N, C-alpha and C. Protein backbone atom coordinates (compact mmCIF):
# COMPACT_ATOMS: atom_id res chain seq x y z
N UNK A 1 32.21 -48.22 -41.77
CA UNK A 1 33.61 -47.96 -41.64
C UNK A 1 34.17 -46.92 -40.64
N UNK A 2 33.16 -46.06 -40.00
CA UNK A 2 33.71 -44.99 -38.81
C UNK A 2 33.91 -45.53 -38.02
N UNK A 3 33.11 -47.10 -37.69
CA UNK A 3 33.68 -48.04 -36.55
C UNK A 3 35.17 -48.30 -36.37
N UNK A 4 35.60 -48.74 -37.10
CA UNK A 4 37.15 -49.31 -37.74
C UNK A 4 38.04 -48.13 -37.33
N UNK A 5 37.64 -46.88 -38.12
CA UNK A 5 38.36 -45.22 -37.60
C UNK A 5 38.49 -45.28 -36.29
N UNK A 6 37.24 -45.06 -35.34
CA UNK A 6 37.03 -44.67 -34.46
C UNK A 6 37.76 -45.46 -33.57
N UNK A 7 37.93 -47.12 -33.12
CA UNK A 7 38.43 -48.02 -33.10
C UNK A 7 39.99 -47.85 -33.16
N UNK A 8 40.52 -47.68 -34.35
CA UNK A 8 41.93 -47.48 -34.50
C UNK A 8 42.12 -46.16 -34.00
N UNK A 9 41.94 -44.97 -33.60
CA UNK A 9 42.02 -44.13 -33.07
C UNK A 9 41.63 -44.18 -31.58
N UNK A 10 41.26 -44.58 -30.92
CA UNK A 10 40.91 -45.38 -29.58
C UNK A 10 42.20 -46.07 -29.13
N UNK A 11 42.77 -46.84 -29.78
CA UNK A 11 44.02 -47.72 -29.52
C UNK A 11 45.16 -46.68 -29.34
N UNK A 12 45.81 -46.90 -28.06
CA UNK A 12 46.88 -46.20 -27.90
C UNK A 12 48.13 -46.28 -29.16
N UNK A 13 48.64 -45.24 -29.16
CA UNK A 13 49.73 -45.08 -30.34
C UNK A 13 50.63 -45.69 -30.01
N UNK A 14 51.47 -45.85 -30.78
CA UNK A 14 52.85 -46.52 -30.59
C UNK A 14 53.84 -45.89 -30.42
N UNK A 15 54.65 -46.46 -29.47
CA UNK A 15 55.78 -45.47 -29.11
C UNK A 15 56.46 -44.78 -29.75
N UNK A 16 57.26 -45.74 -30.95
CA UNK A 16 58.36 -45.05 -31.93
C UNK A 16 57.05 -44.97 -33.34
N UNK A 17 57.81 -43.68 -34.43
CA UNK A 17 57.55 -43.64 -35.17
C UNK A 17 58.67 -43.35 -36.27
N UNK A 18 58.34 -43.57 -37.94
CA UNK A 18 59.35 -43.55 -38.99
C UNK A 18 58.86 -42.55 -40.03
N UNK A 19 59.61 -42.21 -40.69
CA UNK A 19 59.45 -41.10 -41.66
C UNK A 19 58.73 -42.12 -42.95
N UNK A 20 57.78 -41.73 -43.47
CA UNK A 20 57.27 -42.29 -44.37
C UNK A 20 57.64 -41.46 -45.85
N UNK A 21 58.80 -41.74 -46.61
CA UNK A 21 59.16 -40.74 -47.30
C UNK A 21 58.23 -40.43 -48.59
N UNK A 22 57.61 -41.64 -48.91
CA UNK A 22 56.70 -41.01 -49.99
C UNK A 22 55.35 -39.83 -49.59
N UNK A 23 55.15 -39.92 -48.16
CA UNK A 23 54.60 -38.67 -47.89
C UNK A 23 55.46 -37.35 -47.40
N UNK A 24 55.93 -37.27 -47.69
CA UNK A 24 57.16 -36.28 -47.36
C UNK A 24 57.57 -35.08 -48.16
N UNK A 25 56.92 -33.85 -48.33
CA UNK A 25 57.28 -33.02 -49.03
C UNK A 25 58.24 -32.00 -48.21
N UNK A 26 59.06 -31.13 -49.21
CA UNK A 26 60.21 -30.14 -48.88
C UNK A 26 60.22 -28.54 -49.70
N UNK A 27 59.04 -27.57 -49.17
CA UNK A 27 59.03 -26.75 -50.11
C UNK A 27 59.58 -25.51 -49.46
N UNK A 28 59.97 -24.40 -50.19
CA UNK A 28 60.04 -23.24 -49.87
C UNK A 28 59.83 -22.25 -50.47
N UNK A 29 59.75 -20.83 -50.41
CA UNK A 29 59.68 -19.67 -50.85
C UNK A 29 60.79 -18.69 -50.82
N UNK A 30 61.22 -17.75 -51.47
CA UNK A 30 61.70 -17.03 -51.82
C UNK A 30 61.32 -15.36 -52.30
N UNK A 31 61.92 -14.80 -52.06
CA UNK A 31 61.26 -13.22 -52.66
C UNK A 31 62.42 -13.15 -53.67
N UNK A 32 61.77 -12.89 -54.92
CA UNK A 32 62.43 -12.79 -56.49
C UNK A 32 61.97 -11.46 -56.60
N UNK A 33 63.14 -10.51 -57.37
CA UNK A 33 63.11 -9.16 -57.88
C UNK A 33 62.10 -8.59 -57.01
N UNK A 34 62.04 -8.23 -55.71
CA UNK A 34 61.91 -7.32 -54.63
C UNK A 34 60.20 -7.71 -54.60
N UNK A 35 59.34 -7.87 -55.80
CA UNK A 35 58.25 -7.60 -55.70
C UNK A 35 57.26 -9.03 -56.00
N UNK A 36 57.89 -9.88 -56.05
CA UNK A 36 57.16 -11.28 -56.13
C UNK A 36 57.93 -12.18 -55.22
N UNK A 37 57.42 -13.82 -55.42
CA UNK A 37 57.87 -14.58 -55.04
C UNK A 37 57.92 -15.72 -55.77
N UNK A 38 59.27 -16.64 -55.38
CA UNK A 38 59.22 -17.80 -55.97
C UNK A 38 58.43 -19.04 -54.75
N UNK A 39 57.91 -20.08 -55.58
CA UNK A 39 57.59 -21.17 -54.66
C UNK A 39 58.48 -22.02 -55.02
N UNK A 40 58.89 -23.27 -54.54
CA UNK A 40 59.43 -24.41 -55.06
C UNK A 40 60.05 -25.52 -54.32
N UNK A 41 60.27 -26.36 -54.74
CA UNK A 41 60.21 -27.66 -53.64
C UNK A 41 61.64 -28.75 -54.11
N UNK A 42 61.83 -29.66 -53.50
CA UNK A 42 62.66 -30.60 -53.63
C UNK A 42 61.92 -31.76 -53.86
N UNK A 43 62.25 -32.45 -55.20
CA UNK A 43 61.73 -33.95 -55.00
C UNK A 43 62.42 -35.07 -54.68
N UNK A 44 63.66 -34.76 -54.23
CA UNK A 44 64.38 -35.99 -53.77
C UNK A 44 64.74 -36.03 -52.10
N UNK A 45 64.16 -36.69 -51.46
CA UNK A 45 64.13 -36.62 -50.29
C UNK A 45 64.96 -38.07 -49.39
N UNK A 46 65.56 -37.66 -48.42
CA UNK A 46 66.06 -39.18 -48.15
C UNK A 46 66.21 -38.86 -46.12
N UNK A 47 66.75 -39.69 -45.52
CA UNK A 47 66.74 -39.78 -44.53
C UNK A 47 66.02 -40.21 -43.14
N UNK A 48 65.76 -40.01 -41.94
CA UNK A 48 65.23 -40.75 -41.35
C UNK A 48 64.42 -39.89 -40.36
N UNK A 49 63.34 -39.94 -39.75
CA UNK A 49 62.85 -39.68 -38.16
C UNK A 49 62.25 -40.31 -37.41
N UNK A 50 62.51 -40.07 -36.26
CA UNK A 50 62.70 -41.46 -35.19
C UNK A 50 61.94 -40.48 -34.03
N UNK A 51 60.73 -40.41 -34.06
CA UNK A 51 59.92 -40.06 -33.20
C UNK A 51 59.73 -40.67 -31.99
N UNK A 52 60.18 -40.41 -31.05
CA UNK A 52 59.83 -41.54 -30.07
C UNK A 52 59.07 -40.47 -28.65
N UNK A 53 57.46 -41.34 -28.71
CA UNK A 53 56.67 -40.36 -28.28
C UNK A 53 56.53 -40.73 -26.82
N UNK A 54 57.22 -41.51 -26.10
CA UNK A 54 56.91 -41.84 -24.58
C UNK A 54 58.28 -40.79 -23.93
N UNK A 55 59.50 -40.79 -24.55
CA UNK A 55 60.73 -40.23 -24.44
C UNK A 55 61.42 -39.33 -25.67
N UNK A 56 60.69 -38.23 -25.67
CA UNK A 56 60.79 -37.42 -26.65
C UNK A 56 62.27 -37.00 -27.00
N UNK A 57 63.33 -37.11 -25.61
CA UNK A 57 64.61 -36.62 -25.78
C UNK A 57 65.19 -37.22 -26.90
N UNK A 58 65.22 -38.35 -26.66
CA UNK A 58 65.27 -39.75 -27.46
C UNK A 58 65.25 -39.43 -29.16
N UNK A 59 64.17 -38.37 -29.47
CA UNK A 59 64.15 -38.55 -30.98
C UNK A 59 65.04 -38.27 -31.79
N UNK A 60 65.19 -38.45 -33.01
CA UNK A 60 66.11 -38.46 -33.48
C UNK A 60 66.11 -37.96 -35.17
N UNK A 61 66.39 -36.79 -35.88
CA UNK A 61 66.02 -36.71 -37.08
C UNK A 61 67.15 -36.49 -38.19
N UNK A 62 67.16 -37.17 -39.31
CA UNK A 62 68.58 -36.94 -40.04
C UNK A 62 68.17 -36.88 -41.28
N UNK A 63 67.92 -35.79 -41.82
CA UNK A 63 67.39 -35.38 -43.38
C UNK A 63 68.12 -35.06 -44.25
N UNK A 64 67.85 -35.33 -45.39
CA UNK A 64 69.09 -35.05 -46.60
C UNK A 64 67.82 -35.00 -47.85
N UNK A 65 68.04 -33.66 -48.69
CA UNK A 65 67.74 -33.30 -49.51
C UNK A 65 68.81 -33.20 -50.73
N UNK A 66 68.44 -33.77 -51.74
CA UNK A 66 69.11 -33.75 -53.38
C UNK A 66 68.85 -32.61 -54.13
N UNK A 67 70.25 -31.44 -53.79
CA UNK A 67 69.95 -30.16 -54.33
C UNK A 67 69.58 -29.99 -55.51
N UNK A 68 70.08 -31.11 -56.54
CA UNK A 68 69.80 -31.33 -58.03
C UNK A 68 68.17 -31.62 -58.42
N UNK A 69 67.40 -31.94 -57.22
CA UNK A 69 65.96 -32.11 -57.10
C UNK A 69 65.08 -30.73 -57.26
N UNK A 70 65.96 -30.03 -56.97
CA UNK A 70 65.28 -28.02 -56.94
C UNK A 70 64.15 -28.29 -58.24
N UNK A 71 62.83 -27.46 -57.97
CA UNK A 71 62.11 -27.48 -59.16
C UNK A 71 61.16 -26.46 -58.71
N UNK A 72 61.40 -25.43 -59.46
CA UNK A 72 59.98 -23.98 -58.83
C UNK A 72 59.17 -24.15 -60.37
N UNK A 73 59.23 -24.98 -61.11
CA UNK A 73 58.25 -25.04 -62.00
C UNK A 73 58.60 -24.18 -63.36
N UNK A 74 59.48 -23.90 -63.49
CA UNK A 74 60.87 -23.21 -64.68
C UNK A 74 61.84 -23.51 -64.90
N UNK A 75 62.08 -24.69 -65.73
CA UNK A 75 63.81 -24.96 -65.72
C UNK A 75 64.59 -24.37 -66.02
N UNK A 76 64.73 -23.09 -66.99
CA UNK A 76 65.43 -21.50 -66.87
C UNK A 76 65.79 -21.35 -65.61
N UNK A 77 64.92 -21.21 -64.83
CA UNK A 77 65.16 -20.69 -63.63
C UNK A 77 65.51 -21.74 -62.98
N UNK A 78 65.28 -22.90 -62.39
CA UNK A 78 66.02 -24.22 -61.65
C UNK A 78 67.81 -23.96 -61.56
N UNK A 79 67.69 -24.03 -63.40
CA UNK A 79 69.50 -24.40 -63.75
C UNK A 79 70.48 -23.27 -63.37
N UNK A 80 69.48 -21.71 -63.31
CA UNK A 80 69.93 -20.43 -62.71
C UNK A 80 70.27 -20.48 -61.17
N UNK A 81 69.21 -21.25 -60.66
CA UNK A 81 69.61 -21.64 -59.21
C UNK A 81 70.74 -22.53 -58.50
N UNK A 82 70.75 -23.30 -59.50
CA UNK A 82 71.75 -24.48 -59.25
C UNK A 82 73.20 -23.96 -59.49
N UNK A 83 73.22 -23.02 -60.13
CA UNK A 83 74.66 -22.41 -60.73
C UNK A 83 75.58 -22.46 -59.46
N UNK A 84 76.68 -22.12 -59.76
CA UNK A 84 77.83 -22.32 -58.90
C UNK A 84 77.61 -21.03 -57.65
N UNK A 85 77.46 -19.77 -58.06
CA UNK A 85 77.11 -18.60 -57.22
C UNK A 85 75.99 -18.77 -56.03
N UNK A 86 74.86 -19.93 -56.67
CA UNK A 86 73.77 -19.98 -55.75
C UNK A 86 74.01 -21.33 -54.47
N UNK A 87 73.30 -22.27 -55.19
CA UNK A 87 73.18 -23.41 -54.36
C UNK A 87 74.37 -24.84 -54.64
N UNK A 88 75.24 -24.23 -55.66
CA UNK A 88 76.33 -24.84 -56.12
C UNK A 88 75.74 -26.53 -56.04
N UNK A 89 74.98 -26.59 -56.83
CA UNK A 89 74.70 -28.52 -56.54
C UNK A 89 75.57 -29.41 -57.36
N UNK A 90 76.55 -29.22 -58.46
CA UNK A 90 77.67 -29.85 -58.85
C UNK A 90 78.38 -30.22 -57.76
N UNK A 91 79.11 -28.98 -56.83
CA UNK A 91 79.97 -29.66 -55.52
C UNK A 91 79.31 -29.72 -54.53
N UNK A 92 78.06 -29.33 -54.22
CA UNK A 92 77.52 -29.70 -53.20
C UNK A 92 76.12 -30.43 -53.04
N UNK A 93 75.97 -31.67 -53.66
CA UNK A 93 74.80 -32.16 -54.05
C UNK A 93 73.60 -32.50 -52.61
N UNK A 94 73.93 -32.14 -51.66
CA UNK A 94 72.85 -32.21 -50.81
C UNK A 94 72.66 -31.18 -49.72
N UNK A 95 71.61 -30.81 -49.01
CA UNK A 95 71.26 -30.36 -48.09
C UNK A 95 70.99 -31.02 -46.76
N UNK A 96 71.53 -31.02 -45.55
CA UNK A 96 71.20 -31.74 -44.64
C UNK A 96 70.63 -31.17 -43.16
N UNK A 97 70.22 -31.76 -42.59
CA UNK A 97 69.81 -31.45 -41.17
C UNK A 97 69.69 -32.58 -40.28
N UNK A 98 70.58 -32.49 -38.90
CA UNK A 98 70.88 -33.78 -38.06
C UNK A 98 70.34 -32.59 -36.97
N UNK A 99 69.23 -33.33 -35.98
CA UNK A 99 68.94 -33.24 -34.89
C UNK A 99 69.93 -33.12 -33.66
N UNK A 100 70.02 -32.40 -32.66
CA UNK A 100 70.52 -32.40 -31.58
C UNK A 100 69.48 -32.18 -30.45
N UNK A 101 68.45 -31.88 -30.19
CA UNK A 101 67.42 -31.23 -29.51
C UNK A 101 66.22 -30.91 -29.92
N UNK A 102 65.13 -31.52 -29.07
CA UNK A 102 63.72 -31.63 -29.23
C UNK A 102 63.33 -30.61 -27.89
N UNK A 103 62.58 -29.61 -28.02
CA UNK A 103 61.97 -29.06 -26.76
C UNK A 103 60.26 -29.19 -27.27
N UNK A 104 59.73 -30.00 -26.58
CA UNK A 104 58.04 -29.85 -26.94
C UNK A 104 57.06 -28.64 -25.58
N UNK A 105 56.88 -28.13 -26.43
CA UNK A 105 55.99 -27.52 -25.78
C UNK A 105 54.43 -27.80 -25.18
N UNK A 106 53.77 -28.90 -26.20
CA UNK A 106 52.65 -30.21 -25.84
C UNK A 106 53.03 -31.39 -26.08
N UNK A 107 52.29 -32.62 -26.14
CA UNK A 107 52.90 -33.93 -26.63
C UNK A 107 52.42 -33.30 -28.48
N UNK A 108 52.12 -32.52 -28.90
CA UNK A 108 52.29 -32.34 -30.34
C UNK A 108 52.78 -30.77 -30.80
N UNK A 109 53.45 -30.47 -30.16
CA UNK A 109 54.18 -29.44 -30.74
C UNK A 109 55.36 -28.63 -29.95
N UNK A 110 56.28 -28.25 -30.73
CA UNK A 110 57.57 -27.92 -30.14
C UNK A 110 58.81 -27.51 -30.94
N UNK A 111 59.74 -27.27 -30.18
CA UNK A 111 60.64 -26.96 -31.67
C UNK A 111 61.61 -27.97 -31.51
N UNK A 112 62.34 -27.88 -33.08
CA UNK A 112 63.54 -28.98 -32.99
C UNK A 112 64.62 -28.38 -33.27
N UNK A 113 65.66 -28.53 -32.61
CA UNK A 113 67.23 -27.82 -33.11
C UNK A 113 68.18 -29.24 -33.31
N UNK A 114 69.23 -28.20 -34.39
CA UNK A 114 69.88 -29.27 -34.97
C UNK A 114 71.06 -28.46 -35.69
N UNK A 115 72.02 -28.66 -36.63
CA UNK A 115 72.60 -28.27 -37.55
C UNK A 115 72.02 -28.55 -38.88
N UNK A 116 71.92 -27.06 -39.22
CA UNK A 116 71.89 -27.52 -41.25
C UNK A 116 72.81 -27.40 -41.61
N UNK A 117 73.42 -28.33 -42.77
CA UNK A 117 74.31 -28.02 -43.81
C UNK A 117 74.20 -27.83 -45.04
N UNK A 118 74.58 -26.92 -45.62
CA UNK A 118 74.37 -26.30 -46.91
C UNK A 118 75.56 -25.61 -47.38
N UNK A 119 75.86 -26.27 -48.83
CA UNK A 119 77.26 -25.67 -49.12
C UNK A 119 78.65 -25.60 -48.43
N UNK A 120 78.83 -27.10 -47.70
CA UNK A 120 79.73 -27.46 -47.07
C UNK A 120 79.64 -26.73 -45.45
N UNK A 121 79.14 -25.94 -45.19
CA UNK A 121 78.89 -24.84 -43.80
C UNK A 121 77.76 -25.41 -43.01
N UNK A 122 78.02 -25.74 -41.79
CA UNK A 122 76.96 -26.50 -40.93
C UNK A 122 76.34 -25.37 -40.02
N UNK A 123 75.50 -25.05 -39.88
CA UNK A 123 75.07 -23.57 -38.42
C UNK A 123 73.87 -24.34 -38.02
N UNK A 124 73.77 -23.73 -36.79
CA UNK A 124 72.84 -24.27 -36.01
C UNK A 124 71.36 -23.68 -36.35
N UNK A 125 70.15 -25.06 -36.39
CA UNK A 125 68.97 -24.08 -37.11
C UNK A 125 67.95 -24.59 -36.13
N UNK A 126 66.62 -23.89 -35.91
CA UNK A 126 65.72 -24.10 -35.03
C UNK A 126 64.34 -24.07 -35.63
N UNK A 127 63.75 -25.27 -35.81
CA UNK A 127 62.31 -25.53 -36.92
C UNK A 127 61.04 -25.72 -35.77
N UNK A 128 60.01 -25.10 -36.38
CA UNK A 128 58.82 -25.32 -35.48
C UNK A 128 58.14 -26.58 -35.72
N UNK A 129 57.75 -27.52 -35.16
CA UNK A 129 57.24 -28.81 -35.40
C UNK A 129 55.77 -28.66 -34.82
N UNK A 130 54.77 -29.36 -35.54
CA UNK A 130 53.50 -29.64 -35.25
C UNK A 130 53.63 -31.00 -35.52
N UNK A 131 52.69 -31.99 -35.22
CA UNK A 131 52.14 -33.14 -35.19
C UNK A 131 50.38 -33.23 -34.81
N UNK A 132 49.83 -33.98 -35.87
CA UNK A 132 48.32 -34.04 -35.82
C UNK A 132 48.29 -35.63 -35.86
N UNK A 133 47.57 -36.13 -34.92
CA UNK A 133 46.98 -38.03 -34.82
C UNK A 133 46.27 -37.55 -35.97
N UNK A 134 46.45 -39.18 -37.08
CA UNK A 134 45.27 -38.90 -37.99
C UNK A 134 45.29 -40.74 -38.27
N UNK A 135 44.71 -41.34 -39.35
CA UNK A 135 44.38 -42.70 -39.99
C UNK A 135 45.11 -43.04 -41.12
N UNK A 136 45.46 -43.48 -41.38
CA UNK A 136 45.76 -44.23 -42.83
C UNK A 136 44.67 -44.64 -43.35
N UNK A 137 44.17 -44.22 -44.59
CA UNK A 137 43.01 -44.80 -45.02
C UNK A 137 42.70 -45.85 -45.57
N UNK A 138 44.16 -45.98 -46.29
CA UNK A 138 44.39 -47.31 -46.75
C UNK A 138 44.45 -48.21 -46.03
N UNK A 139 45.20 -48.34 -45.15
CA UNK A 139 45.89 -49.63 -44.54
C UNK A 139 44.78 -49.43 -42.87
N UNK A 140 44.13 -48.17 -42.50
CA UNK A 140 43.30 -48.28 -41.18
C UNK A 140 44.48 -48.16 -39.98
N UNK A 141 45.68 -47.71 -40.27
CA UNK A 141 46.99 -47.39 -39.18
C UNK A 141 46.59 -46.18 -38.63
N UNK A 142 47.15 -45.86 -37.41
CA UNK A 142 47.48 -44.43 -37.26
C UNK A 142 48.62 -43.86 -37.79
N UNK A 143 48.88 -42.79 -38.32
CA UNK A 143 49.97 -42.50 -38.40
C UNK A 143 49.84 -40.71 -37.56
N UNK A 144 51.48 -40.47 -38.00
CA UNK A 144 51.49 -38.66 -37.27
C UNK A 144 51.77 -37.75 -38.38
N UNK A 145 50.72 -36.86 -38.67
CA UNK A 145 51.02 -36.09 -39.79
C UNK A 145 51.73 -35.33 -38.90
N UNK A 146 52.94 -34.29 -39.76
CA UNK A 146 53.66 -33.38 -39.38
C UNK A 146 54.16 -32.79 -40.33
N UNK A 147 54.25 -30.89 -39.15
CA UNK A 147 54.80 -30.10 -40.27
C UNK A 147 55.70 -29.63 -39.61
N UNK A 148 56.82 -29.35 -40.17
CA UNK A 148 58.25 -28.72 -39.78
C UNK A 148 58.10 -27.05 -40.12
N UNK A 149 58.39 -25.62 -39.82
CA UNK A 149 58.36 -24.65 -40.19
C UNK A 149 59.90 -23.72 -40.04
N UNK A 150 60.66 -23.52 -40.72
CA UNK A 150 61.99 -22.57 -40.21
C UNK A 150 62.72 -21.63 -41.36
N UNK A 151 63.47 -20.83 -41.25
CA UNK A 151 64.04 -20.11 -41.73
C UNK A 151 65.15 -20.17 -42.25
N UNK A 152 65.99 -20.51 -43.36
CA UNK A 152 67.33 -20.51 -43.80
C UNK A 152 67.85 -18.47 -44.04
N UNK A 153 68.49 -18.32 -43.95
CA UNK A 153 69.67 -17.10 -44.02
C UNK A 153 70.65 -17.59 -44.80
N UNK A 154 70.63 -17.43 -46.27
CA UNK A 154 71.19 -17.51 -47.53
C UNK A 154 72.50 -16.93 -47.24
N UNK A 155 73.05 -15.97 -46.71
CA UNK A 155 74.28 -15.19 -46.42
C UNK A 155 75.07 -16.24 -45.19
N UNK A 156 74.10 -16.58 -44.34
CA UNK A 156 75.10 -17.49 -43.43
C UNK A 156 75.66 -18.80 -43.95
N UNK A 157 75.38 -19.10 -45.40
CA UNK A 157 76.29 -19.96 -45.86
C UNK A 157 76.99 -19.98 -47.30
N UNK A 158 76.96 -18.43 -47.03
CA UNK A 158 78.30 -17.73 -48.16
C UNK A 158 77.21 -17.33 -49.61
N UNK A 159 75.84 -17.25 -49.59
CA UNK A 159 75.49 -17.26 -50.95
C UNK A 159 74.94 -16.16 -50.86
N UNK A 160 75.56 -15.22 -51.36
CA UNK A 160 75.32 -13.64 -51.47
C UNK A 160 75.09 -13.14 -53.04
N UNK A 161 75.20 -13.57 -53.72
CA UNK A 161 74.97 -13.38 -55.20
C UNK A 161 73.74 -12.84 -55.38
N UNK A 162 73.46 -12.36 -56.49
CA UNK A 162 72.12 -11.73 -56.80
C UNK A 162 71.75 -10.98 -55.85
N UNK A 163 71.72 -10.13 -55.01
CA UNK A 163 71.10 -9.64 -53.56
C UNK A 163 70.11 -8.82 -54.53
N UNK A 164 69.89 -8.34 -55.52
CA UNK A 164 68.56 -7.80 -56.07
C UNK A 164 67.67 -8.44 -56.95
N UNK A 165 67.90 -9.82 -57.14
CA UNK A 165 67.13 -10.64 -57.55
C UNK A 165 66.45 -11.58 -56.63
N UNK A 166 67.49 -12.21 -55.73
CA UNK A 166 66.54 -13.56 -54.49
C UNK A 166 66.86 -12.77 -53.27
N UNK A 167 65.65 -12.65 -52.34
CA UNK A 167 65.75 -12.28 -51.38
C UNK A 167 66.87 -13.03 -50.39
N UNK A 168 67.26 -12.75 -49.05
CA UNK A 168 68.00 -13.09 -48.03
C UNK A 168 67.65 -14.35 -47.52
N UNK A 169 66.26 -14.40 -46.91
CA UNK A 169 65.84 -15.16 -46.04
C UNK A 169 64.66 -16.05 -46.85
N UNK A 170 64.68 -17.34 -46.49
CA UNK A 170 64.08 -18.44 -47.31
C UNK A 170 63.45 -19.09 -46.21
N UNK A 171 62.12 -18.97 -46.17
CA UNK A 171 61.09 -19.84 -45.48
C UNK A 171 61.16 -21.45 -45.96
N UNK A 172 61.05 -22.32 -44.95
CA UNK A 172 61.19 -23.77 -45.59
C UNK A 172 59.89 -24.17 -44.45
N UNK A 173 58.80 -25.30 -45.30
CA UNK A 173 57.96 -26.04 -44.58
C UNK A 173 57.84 -27.56 -45.18
N UNK A 174 57.96 -28.18 -44.20
CA UNK A 174 58.48 -29.70 -44.73
C UNK A 174 57.20 -30.24 -43.96
N UNK A 175 56.39 -30.59 -44.77
CA UNK A 175 55.03 -31.53 -44.45
C UNK A 175 55.35 -33.03 -44.74
N UNK A 176 54.77 -34.32 -43.81
CA UNK A 176 54.70 -35.54 -44.27
C UNK A 176 53.86 -36.32 -43.03
N UNK A 177 54.50 -37.59 -43.06
CA UNK A 177 53.70 -38.48 -42.13
C UNK A 177 54.69 -39.71 -41.42
N UNK A 178 54.48 -39.51 -40.30
CA UNK A 178 55.42 -40.80 -39.78
C UNK A 178 54.20 -41.82 -38.99
N UNK A 179 54.81 -42.85 -39.43
CA UNK A 179 54.50 -44.26 -39.30
C UNK A 179 54.97 -45.34 -38.29
N UNK A 180 53.94 -45.91 -37.80
CA UNK A 180 54.78 -46.73 -36.44
C UNK A 180 55.91 -47.68 -36.90
N UNK A 181 56.75 -47.43 -35.96
CA UNK A 181 58.10 -48.11 -36.32
C UNK A 181 58.55 -49.75 -35.61
N UNK A 182 57.67 -51.12 -36.63
CA UNK A 182 57.40 -52.04 -36.14
C UNK A 182 59.34 -52.99 -35.76
């Protein structure tokens, strides 16, 4: 079995990759009541990531999160965060990121810049991205695992309510896999 894995890893990687939505997670954390942190995630993710390995400048990211899918493992808190003064999920059902530029420091790390839209406002956002070569154990096909980290200042999107309850800066961590685009 290790021979097959080594052969798959030795094969030249495909030039273009796409998002495997089933393996993608969007997590966040926010300072809560000044002395603790709330961890959360979004369960409904859509979009498209097309990474062009030979021409990284052609990489395109269009990523959408359904705000109603927010989950902090406490339904009452989720309901509170979805309210009009915070995430306002009824009026703004999505968060969206569309890339405009990728700057690779190496073939497997760099920054991705674009516009992040929340609550009807689009602002520039840059995230750090790392890629790791791997092999899917079920299919023996190559995959690229990715991790994107960034931070959103909620005040930039007009969310200033409850400053004594929630922190201003919200770290975001997105993990997932890219699969060959055939």
